[in-house]
N, C-alpha and C. Protein backbone atom coordinates (compact mmCIF):
# COMPACT_ATOMS: atom_id res chain seq x y z
N MET A 1 -8.65 -2.78 -15.09
CA MET A 1 -7.78 -2.99 -13.94
C MET A 1 -6.42 -2.36 -14.22
N PHE A 2 -5.91 -1.64 -13.24
CA PHE A 2 -4.60 -1.01 -13.39
C PHE A 2 -3.49 -2.02 -13.17
N LYS A 3 -2.45 -1.88 -13.96
CA LYS A 3 -1.24 -2.65 -13.70
C LYS A 3 -0.35 -1.76 -12.86
N VAL A 4 0.12 -2.27 -11.76
CA VAL A 4 0.98 -1.49 -10.90
C VAL A 4 2.42 -1.89 -11.19
N LEU A 5 3.22 -0.94 -11.63
CA LEU A 5 4.61 -1.22 -11.98
C LEU A 5 5.56 -0.44 -11.10
N SER A 6 6.67 -1.02 -10.82
CA SER A 6 7.69 -0.35 -10.03
C SER A 6 8.57 0.49 -10.94
N ILE A 7 8.76 1.74 -10.55
CA ILE A 7 9.66 2.62 -11.31
C ILE A 7 11.07 2.03 -11.28
N PHE A 8 11.45 1.51 -10.14
CA PHE A 8 12.76 0.88 -9.99
C PHE A 8 12.92 -0.23 -11.02
N LEU A 9 11.95 -1.10 -11.13
CA LEU A 9 12.00 -2.21 -12.06
C LEU A 9 12.04 -1.71 -13.50
N LEU A 10 11.25 -0.71 -13.81
CA LEU A 10 11.22 -0.14 -15.15
C LEU A 10 12.58 0.39 -15.56
N PHE A 11 13.25 1.15 -14.67
CA PHE A 11 14.58 1.67 -14.98
C PHE A 11 15.57 0.53 -15.21
N ASN A 12 15.55 -0.46 -14.34
CA ASN A 12 16.53 -1.55 -14.43
C ASN A 12 16.33 -2.39 -15.68
N ILE A 13 15.10 -2.71 -16.03
CA ILE A 13 14.85 -3.50 -17.23
C ILE A 13 15.27 -2.72 -18.47
N THR A 14 14.90 -1.46 -18.54
CA THR A 14 15.23 -0.64 -19.70
C THR A 14 16.74 -0.51 -19.86
N ASN A 15 17.45 -0.26 -18.76
CA ASN A 15 18.89 -0.06 -18.84
C ASN A 15 19.65 -1.37 -19.04
N ALA A 16 19.27 -2.43 -18.35
CA ALA A 16 20.01 -3.69 -18.40
C ALA A 16 19.93 -4.35 -19.77
N PHE A 17 18.79 -4.26 -20.43
CA PHE A 17 18.62 -4.95 -21.69
C PHE A 17 18.65 -4.02 -22.89
N ASN A 18 18.97 -2.74 -22.66
CA ASN A 18 19.02 -1.77 -23.76
C ASN A 18 17.77 -1.85 -24.62
N ILE A 19 16.63 -1.87 -23.98
CA ILE A 19 15.36 -1.99 -24.68
C ILE A 19 15.11 -0.75 -25.53
N ASN A 20 14.61 -0.97 -26.73
CA ASN A 20 14.21 0.14 -27.59
C ASN A 20 12.96 0.76 -26.99
N THR A 21 13.06 2.00 -26.57
CA THR A 21 11.96 2.64 -25.86
C THR A 21 11.19 3.61 -26.75
N ASN A 22 11.19 3.37 -28.07
CA ASN A 22 10.44 4.24 -28.97
C ASN A 22 8.93 4.11 -28.76
N ASN A 23 8.46 2.92 -28.40
CA ASN A 23 7.03 2.69 -28.17
C ASN A 23 6.78 2.59 -26.67
N LYS A 24 6.98 3.67 -25.99
CA LYS A 24 6.87 3.66 -24.53
C LYS A 24 5.43 3.73 -24.09
N ILE A 25 5.13 3.00 -23.04
CA ILE A 25 3.79 2.94 -22.47
C ILE A 25 3.54 4.20 -21.66
N PRO A 26 2.36 4.80 -21.77
CA PRO A 26 2.05 5.96 -20.92
C PRO A 26 1.82 5.53 -19.48
N TYR A 27 2.23 6.37 -18.55
CA TYR A 27 2.02 6.11 -17.13
C TYR A 27 1.10 7.16 -16.55
N ASN A 28 0.15 6.72 -15.74
CA ASN A 28 -0.83 7.58 -15.10
C ASN A 28 -0.55 7.61 -13.61
N ILE A 29 -0.26 8.79 -13.09
CA ILE A 29 0.18 8.94 -11.71
C ILE A 29 -0.76 9.88 -10.96
N PRO A 30 -1.27 9.44 -9.81
CA PRO A 30 -2.10 10.34 -9.01
C PRO A 30 -1.23 11.45 -8.42
N ILE A 31 -1.79 12.64 -8.31
CA ILE A 31 -1.06 13.77 -7.73
C ILE A 31 -1.09 13.71 -6.21
N ASP A 32 -2.30 13.72 -5.67
CA ASP A 32 -2.44 13.82 -4.22
C ASP A 32 -2.09 12.49 -3.53
N ASN A 33 -1.26 12.63 -2.51
CA ASN A 33 -0.75 11.51 -1.72
C ASN A 33 0.09 10.54 -2.55
N MET A 34 0.67 11.07 -3.63
CA MET A 34 1.67 10.35 -4.41
C MET A 34 2.88 11.24 -4.58
N ILE A 35 2.73 12.35 -5.31
CA ILE A 35 3.86 13.26 -5.47
C ILE A 35 3.80 14.38 -4.43
N CYS A 36 2.73 14.39 -3.66
CA CYS A 36 2.62 15.34 -2.56
C CYS A 36 1.73 14.74 -1.47
N ASP A 37 1.91 15.21 -0.26
CA ASP A 37 1.07 14.80 0.85
C ASP A 37 -0.05 15.81 1.01
N THR A 38 -1.27 15.32 0.94
CA THR A 38 -2.45 16.19 1.02
C THR A 38 -3.37 15.64 2.10
N ASN A 39 -3.75 16.49 3.04
CA ASN A 39 -4.65 16.08 4.11
C ASN A 39 -6.03 16.69 3.92
N ASN A 40 -7.06 15.85 3.95
CA ASN A 40 -8.46 16.31 3.94
C ASN A 40 -8.77 17.32 2.84
N ASN A 41 -8.32 17.06 1.63
CA ASN A 41 -8.58 17.95 0.49
C ASN A 41 -8.03 19.36 0.67
N ASP A 42 -7.02 19.51 1.51
CA ASP A 42 -6.37 20.81 1.72
C ASP A 42 -5.26 20.97 0.69
N TYR A 43 -5.65 21.20 -0.57
CA TYR A 43 -4.71 21.22 -1.69
C TYR A 43 -3.74 22.40 -1.62
N ILE A 44 -4.17 23.49 -1.04
CA ILE A 44 -3.32 24.68 -0.94
C ILE A 44 -2.09 24.38 -0.08
N ASN A 45 -2.24 23.54 0.93
CA ASN A 45 -1.14 23.22 1.83
C ASN A 45 -0.50 21.86 1.55
N SER A 46 -0.71 21.32 0.36
CA SER A 46 -0.06 20.06 -0.01
C SER A 46 1.45 20.23 0.03
N ILE A 47 2.14 19.20 0.50
CA ILE A 47 3.59 19.24 0.63
C ILE A 47 4.20 18.32 -0.43
N PRO A 48 5.02 18.88 -1.35
CA PRO A 48 5.60 18.06 -2.42
C PRO A 48 6.60 17.05 -1.88
N ASN A 49 6.65 15.89 -2.51
CA ASN A 49 7.65 14.87 -2.21
C ASN A 49 8.66 14.89 -3.36
N TYR A 50 9.74 15.63 -3.15
CA TYR A 50 10.71 15.85 -4.22
C TYR A 50 11.46 14.59 -4.63
N LYS A 51 11.56 13.62 -3.74
CA LYS A 51 12.21 12.36 -4.10
C LYS A 51 11.41 11.64 -5.19
N ILE A 52 10.10 11.60 -5.02
CA ILE A 52 9.24 10.95 -6.01
C ILE A 52 9.19 11.79 -7.28
N ILE A 53 9.06 13.10 -7.14
CA ILE A 53 9.02 13.98 -8.31
C ILE A 53 10.29 13.80 -9.15
N HIS A 54 11.44 13.71 -8.50
CA HIS A 54 12.71 13.52 -9.21
C HIS A 54 12.70 12.21 -10.00
N LYS A 55 12.22 11.13 -9.39
CA LYS A 55 12.18 9.83 -10.09
C LYS A 55 11.25 9.87 -11.31
N LEU A 56 10.10 10.49 -11.14
CA LEU A 56 9.15 10.57 -12.25
C LEU A 56 9.64 11.52 -13.34
N ASN A 57 10.33 12.59 -12.95
CA ASN A 57 10.92 13.49 -13.95
C ASN A 57 11.97 12.77 -14.78
N LYS A 58 12.70 11.82 -14.16
CA LYS A 58 13.69 11.03 -14.90
C LYS A 58 13.00 10.22 -15.99
N LEU A 59 11.87 9.62 -15.65
CA LEU A 59 11.12 8.88 -16.66
C LEU A 59 10.70 9.80 -17.80
N TYR A 60 10.15 10.95 -17.45
CA TYR A 60 9.71 11.92 -18.46
C TYR A 60 10.89 12.33 -19.35
N ASN A 61 12.02 12.62 -18.75
CA ASN A 61 13.21 13.03 -19.51
C ASN A 61 13.76 11.92 -20.39
N ASN A 62 13.43 10.68 -20.05
CA ASN A 62 13.83 9.54 -20.88
C ASN A 62 12.80 9.24 -21.96
N GLY A 63 11.82 10.12 -22.12
CA GLY A 63 10.87 10.00 -23.22
C GLY A 63 9.56 9.32 -22.89
N TYR A 64 9.35 8.96 -21.64
CA TYR A 64 8.09 8.32 -21.27
C TYR A 64 6.96 9.34 -21.18
N GLU A 65 5.75 8.90 -21.51
CA GLU A 65 4.56 9.74 -21.38
C GLU A 65 4.10 9.67 -19.93
N ILE A 66 4.14 10.80 -19.25
CA ILE A 66 3.75 10.88 -17.84
C ILE A 66 2.50 11.74 -17.73
N ASN A 67 1.41 11.10 -17.33
CA ASN A 67 0.13 11.78 -17.18
C ASN A 67 -0.25 11.80 -15.70
N TYR A 68 -0.38 12.97 -15.16
CA TYR A 68 -0.81 13.10 -13.77
C TYR A 68 -2.31 13.29 -13.72
N TRP A 69 -2.93 12.80 -12.66
CA TRP A 69 -4.37 12.96 -12.51
C TRP A 69 -4.72 13.22 -11.04
N CYS A 70 -5.88 13.81 -10.85
CA CYS A 70 -6.40 14.03 -9.50
C CYS A 70 -7.91 14.15 -9.56
N ASN A 71 -8.54 14.02 -8.43
CA ASN A 71 -10.00 14.16 -8.32
C ASN A 71 -10.35 15.46 -7.61
N ARG A 72 -9.49 16.44 -7.67
CA ARG A 72 -9.70 17.68 -6.92
C ARG A 72 -11.02 18.35 -7.26
N ASN A 73 -11.34 18.46 -8.54
CA ASN A 73 -12.60 19.12 -8.92
C ASN A 73 -13.80 18.35 -8.39
N LYS A 74 -13.73 17.05 -8.47
CA LYS A 74 -14.85 16.20 -8.04
C LYS A 74 -14.99 16.19 -6.52
N ASN A 75 -13.86 16.17 -5.81
CA ASN A 75 -13.89 16.08 -4.35
C ASN A 75 -14.46 17.34 -3.69
N THR A 76 -14.26 18.48 -4.31
CA THR A 76 -14.66 19.74 -3.65
C THR A 76 -15.67 20.55 -4.46
N GLU A 77 -16.00 20.09 -5.66
CA GLU A 77 -16.92 20.81 -6.54
C GLU A 77 -16.43 22.23 -6.83
N LYS A 78 -15.12 22.38 -6.89
CA LYS A 78 -14.48 23.65 -7.23
C LYS A 78 -13.51 23.35 -8.37
N ASN A 79 -13.26 24.32 -9.23
CA ASN A 79 -12.32 24.11 -10.32
C ASN A 79 -10.89 24.39 -9.85
N TRP A 80 -10.11 23.31 -9.72
CA TRP A 80 -8.73 23.40 -9.25
C TRP A 80 -7.72 23.32 -10.39
N SER A 81 -8.17 23.35 -11.63
CA SER A 81 -7.28 23.14 -12.78
C SER A 81 -6.11 24.12 -12.82
N TYR A 82 -6.39 25.40 -12.79
CA TYR A 82 -5.34 26.41 -12.88
C TYR A 82 -4.39 26.31 -11.68
N PHE A 83 -4.94 26.18 -10.49
CA PHE A 83 -4.11 26.08 -9.29
C PHE A 83 -3.19 24.85 -9.37
N THR A 84 -3.74 23.72 -9.79
CA THR A 84 -2.96 22.47 -9.85
C THR A 84 -1.83 22.60 -10.86
N GLU A 85 -2.11 23.18 -12.01
CA GLU A 85 -1.07 23.38 -13.03
C GLU A 85 0.06 24.26 -12.49
N ARG A 86 -0.30 25.34 -11.83
CA ARG A 86 0.72 26.23 -11.24
C ARG A 86 1.51 25.52 -10.14
N GLN A 87 0.80 24.76 -9.31
CA GLN A 87 1.44 24.03 -8.22
C GLN A 87 2.51 23.07 -8.77
N LEU A 88 2.16 22.32 -9.81
CA LEU A 88 3.12 21.38 -10.40
C LEU A 88 4.30 22.12 -11.01
N LYS A 89 4.05 23.26 -11.61
CA LYS A 89 5.14 24.06 -12.19
C LYS A 89 6.09 24.54 -11.09
N ILE A 90 5.55 25.03 -10.00
CA ILE A 90 6.38 25.51 -8.88
C ILE A 90 7.22 24.37 -8.32
N TRP A 91 6.66 23.17 -8.25
CA TRP A 91 7.37 22.01 -7.71
C TRP A 91 8.37 21.42 -8.71
N GLY A 92 8.35 21.89 -9.94
CA GLY A 92 9.28 21.38 -10.96
C GLY A 92 8.86 20.06 -11.56
N VAL A 93 7.57 19.77 -11.54
CA VAL A 93 7.05 18.51 -12.08
C VAL A 93 6.98 18.61 -13.60
N GLN A 94 7.53 17.61 -14.27
CA GLN A 94 7.47 17.54 -15.73
C GLN A 94 6.43 16.50 -16.11
N TYR A 95 5.61 16.82 -17.11
CA TYR A 95 4.50 15.92 -17.43
C TYR A 95 4.06 16.10 -18.88
N THR A 96 3.31 15.11 -19.33
CA THR A 96 2.71 15.17 -20.65
C THR A 96 1.34 15.83 -20.56
N THR A 97 0.51 15.35 -19.63
CA THR A 97 -0.82 15.93 -19.42
C THR A 97 -1.18 15.91 -17.94
N ILE A 98 -2.17 16.73 -17.60
CA ILE A 98 -2.79 16.70 -16.28
C ILE A 98 -4.27 16.43 -16.51
N LEU A 99 -4.78 15.40 -15.87
CA LEU A 99 -6.20 15.08 -15.94
C LEU A 99 -6.83 15.47 -14.61
N MET A 100 -7.94 16.15 -14.67
CA MET A 100 -8.60 16.58 -13.43
C MET A 100 -9.67 15.58 -12.99
N ASP A 101 -9.57 14.37 -13.50
CA ASP A 101 -10.46 13.29 -13.11
C ASP A 101 -9.68 11.99 -13.23
N LYS A 102 -10.04 11.00 -12.45
CA LYS A 102 -9.36 9.71 -12.48
C LYS A 102 -9.54 9.09 -13.87
N PRO A 103 -8.43 8.56 -14.44
CA PRO A 103 -8.55 7.92 -15.75
C PRO A 103 -9.49 6.71 -15.67
N ASP A 104 -10.10 6.37 -16.80
CA ASP A 104 -10.99 5.20 -16.79
C ASP A 104 -10.16 3.92 -16.72
N ASP A 105 -10.84 2.81 -16.64
CA ASP A 105 -10.16 1.51 -16.48
C ASP A 105 -9.37 1.09 -17.71
N SER A 106 -9.49 1.82 -18.80
CA SER A 106 -8.76 1.44 -20.00
C SER A 106 -7.31 1.92 -19.96
N CYS A 107 -6.97 2.77 -18.99
CA CYS A 107 -5.57 3.22 -18.93
C CYS A 107 -4.68 2.04 -18.56
N THR A 108 -3.49 2.00 -19.12
CA THR A 108 -2.67 0.81 -19.03
C THR A 108 -1.87 0.69 -17.73
N ASN A 109 -1.29 1.76 -17.27
CA ASN A 109 -0.40 1.66 -16.11
C ASN A 109 -0.63 2.77 -15.12
N CYS A 110 -0.70 2.39 -13.88
CA CYS A 110 -0.83 3.36 -12.80
C CYS A 110 0.28 3.07 -11.80
N ILE A 111 1.08 4.07 -11.50
CA ILE A 111 2.18 3.89 -10.56
C ILE A 111 1.68 4.29 -9.18
N LYS A 112 1.97 3.46 -8.21
CA LYS A 112 1.56 3.74 -6.84
C LYS A 112 2.78 3.96 -5.96
N LYS A 113 2.60 4.74 -4.91
CA LYS A 113 3.69 5.15 -4.03
C LYS A 113 4.46 3.98 -3.45
N LYS A 114 3.76 2.93 -3.07
CA LYS A 114 4.43 1.80 -2.42
C LYS A 114 5.36 1.03 -3.36
N CYS A 115 5.30 1.31 -4.66
CA CYS A 115 6.13 0.61 -5.63
C CYS A 115 7.44 1.32 -5.93
N ILE A 116 7.64 2.49 -5.39
CA ILE A 116 8.85 3.25 -5.71
C ILE A 116 9.94 2.90 -4.72
N ASN A 117 11.08 2.54 -5.25
CA ASN A 117 12.24 2.22 -4.42
C ASN A 117 13.03 3.51 -4.19
N PHE A 118 13.01 4.01 -2.97
CA PHE A 118 13.67 5.28 -2.67
C PHE A 118 15.18 5.16 -2.56
N ASN A 119 15.70 3.92 -2.56
CA ASN A 119 17.14 3.72 -2.41
C ASN A 119 17.87 3.74 -3.73
N GLU A 120 17.15 3.77 -4.82
CA GLU A 120 17.76 3.78 -6.16
C GLU A 120 17.55 5.14 -6.79
N ASP A 121 18.52 5.57 -7.60
CA ASP A 121 18.37 6.83 -8.35
C ASP A 121 17.97 6.60 -9.72
C-alpha cells in the first residue's frame, strides 16, 4: 500500500524541526497526469505542469531521491523510454530514476497531485 504524503507537509516538517535528512525516503511520482496533463495516451502532446515540476525539483535539490514512473510502454505496447527521458529533460525535470512501469507495492511513498499545496513555495 502506498503512503500518500503532502509535499507541503514534508517541506514544513523538515524545515521547522531541522530534521537530519541524510536518510531520506525515496519518493515515487507518476509522470502522466501528475507532472503533465496527458489525454488518452497522447504522450506526444502532454502538457507539463511547471508548478508541480518546480516543487518536485526543490525536493530533488534538497537531496531527496525522486523516482518518476509511468505505464507508457504497457498502455500502448510501444517503447516510450527514449521519448520520455527527452521529454523530462526538455521540461527541466530533475530525477534520480525513471521507471517505465508502475513500482510494486513495496515502494514506500507515492506522491499524488491532490496532496500538493500550490499556495506554498
